[in-house]
Protein backbone atom coordinates (compact mmCIF):
# COMPACT_ATOMS: atom_id res chain seq x y z
CA UNK A 1 -46.16 -2.02 46.24
CA UNK A 2 -49.23 -3.01 48.21
CA UNK A 3 -49.09 -6.64 49.29
CA UNK A 4 -52.00 -8.47 50.91
CA UNK A 5 -51.27 -11.97 52.23
CA UNK A 6 -53.82 -14.51 53.43
CA UNK A 7 -56.19 -12.09 55.17
CA UNK A 8 -59.38 -13.34 56.79
CA UNK A 9 -62.27 -11.23 58.04
CA UNK A 10 -65.55 -12.08 59.71
CA UNK A 11 -68.80 -10.22 60.38
CA UNK A 12 -70.39 -12.04 63.28
CA UNK A 13 -70.31 -15.72 62.36
CA UNK A 14 -69.99 -15.04 58.61
CA UNK A 15 -66.55 -15.61 57.09
CA UNK A 16 -66.37 -12.73 54.57
CA UNK A 17 -62.74 -12.74 53.37
CA UNK A 18 -61.09 -16.15 53.06
CA UNK A 19 -57.31 -16.21 52.68
CA UNK A 20 -57.30 -13.22 50.30
CA UNK A 21 -53.91 -12.44 48.75
CA UNK A 22 -52.99 -9.89 46.09
CA UNK A 23 -50.26 -7.51 44.98
CA UNK A 24 -50.79 -4.03 43.52
CA UNK A 25 -47.64 -2.64 41.91
CA UNK A 26 -46.83 1.06 41.65
CA UNK A 27 -47.53 2.50 38.22
CA UNK A 28 -49.95 -0.30 37.37
CA UNK A 29 -53.74 -0.42 37.49
CA UNK A 30 -55.25 -3.03 39.78
CA UNK A 31 -58.96 -3.82 39.54
CA UNK A 32 -61.15 -5.48 42.15
CA UNK A 33 -64.23 -7.09 40.62
CA UNK A 34 -66.97 -9.30 42.04
CA UNK A 35 -70.70 -9.64 42.45
CA UNK A 36 -72.64 -8.18 45.36
CA UNK A 37 -71.77 -9.53 48.79
CA UNK A 38 -68.42 -11.16 48.02
CA UNK A 39 -66.28 -8.84 50.18
CA UNK A 40 -65.02 -6.04 47.93
CA UNK A 41 -66.01 -3.29 50.37
CA UNK A 42 -64.77 -5.31 53.36
CA UNK A 43 -61.39 -5.72 51.65
CA UNK A 44 -61.13 -1.98 50.99
CA UNK A 45 -62.17 -1.17 54.57
CA UNK A 46 -59.50 -3.60 55.79
CA UNK A 47 -56.87 -1.92 53.58
CA UNK A 48 -57.81 1.49 54.99
CA UNK A 49 -57.69 0.21 58.58
CA UNK A 50 -61.40 0.83 59.18
CA UNK A 51 -61.96 -2.88 59.85
CA UNK A 52 -59.13 -4.75 61.61
CA UNK A 53 -58.23 -8.02 59.92
CA UNK A 54 -58.45 -11.23 61.94
CA UNK A 55 -55.48 -13.00 60.31
CA UNK A 56 -52.97 -12.29 57.57
CA UNK A 57 -50.86 -9.25 56.70
CA UNK A 58 -51.17 -6.03 54.71
CA UNK A 59 -47.94 -4.28 53.69
CA UNK A 60 -47.08 -1.14 51.75
CA UNK A 61 -43.50 -0.96 50.44
CA UNK A 62 -42.55 -3.76 52.83
CA UNK A 63 -43.96 -2.05 55.93
CA UNK A 64 -46.99 -3.47 57.76
CA UNK A 65 -49.97 -1.11 57.52
CA UNK A 66 -51.18 -2.30 60.91
CA UNK A 67 -48.04 -0.82 62.44
CA UNK A 68 -49.54 2.69 62.55
CA UNK A 69 -52.64 1.43 64.37
CA UNK A 70 -50.50 -0.42 66.92
CA UNK A 71 -48.38 2.70 67.53
CA UNK A 72 -51.50 4.79 68.15
CA UNK A 73 -52.88 2.21 70.59
CA UNK A 74 -49.55 2.34 72.45
CA UNK A 75 -49.77 6.14 72.69
CA UNK A 76 -46.83 6.65 70.30
CA UNK A 77 -48.49 9.34 68.20
CA UNK A 78 -45.28 10.92 66.89
CA UNK A 79 -44.04 7.57 65.56
CA UNK A 80 -47.43 6.85 63.98
CA UNK A 81 -47.36 10.23 62.21
CA UNK A 82 -43.84 9.58 60.92
CA UNK A 83 -44.92 6.19 59.55
CA UNK A 84 -47.99 7.75 57.92
CA UNK A 85 -45.77 10.43 56.36
CA UNK A 86 -43.44 7.79 54.89
CA UNK A 87 -46.42 5.97 53.41
CA UNK A 88 -47.77 9.27 52.06
CA UNK A 89 -44.41 10.13 50.51
CA UNK A 90 -44.55 6.82 48.65
CA UNK A 91 -47.99 7.70 47.29
CA UNK A 92 -46.76 11.17 46.19
CA UNK A 93 -43.91 9.55 44.24
CA UNK A 94 -46.42 7.27 42.57
CA UNK A 95 -48.64 10.24 41.65
CA UNK A 96 -45.65 12.13 40.21
CA UNK A 97 -44.74 9.08 38.14
CA UNK A 98 -48.29 8.80 36.80
CA UNK A 99 -48.45 12.49 35.87
CA UNK A 100 -45.08 12.36 34.10
CA UNK A 101 -43.43 14.75 36.55
CA UNK A 102 -40.98 12.19 37.90
CA UNK A 103 -37.54 12.22 36.24
CA UNK A 104 -36.97 8.51 36.82
CA UNK A 105 -39.37 5.60 36.95
CA UNK A 106 -40.62 4.46 40.34
CA UNK A 107 -40.38 0.70 40.65
C-alpha cells in the first residue's frame, strides 16, 4: 500500500501541496483528478522522489520512500539498492496479482 500523510510542497513562495493525504491499496485503481495548476504533477514528482517534500511522509508497504534518498546521500549505495529491490519486489507481486498469475491474493 502507498500511504501519503500530510505532505506539503512549495515552489518559491507558492504553497502547492497543502497537507495532502491519501492511500492507494494494492490491487485497486486510484485516480488523481483536478484542474490545471492544482498540484497533480507536483504530487507525482514528490512520490517519485524528483521533488523532495517539505513536510509529511510517503510510505510504501510501511517503509518510508525517502529512506532510499537518505541512504544515497550518506553514501550507502548497497543499502539503497536493497531497499529499492524490496520496493520493486512488492510492485512485481502486485503486477502478478493483476495479471492473474499469482496463486494467492496480495493484500
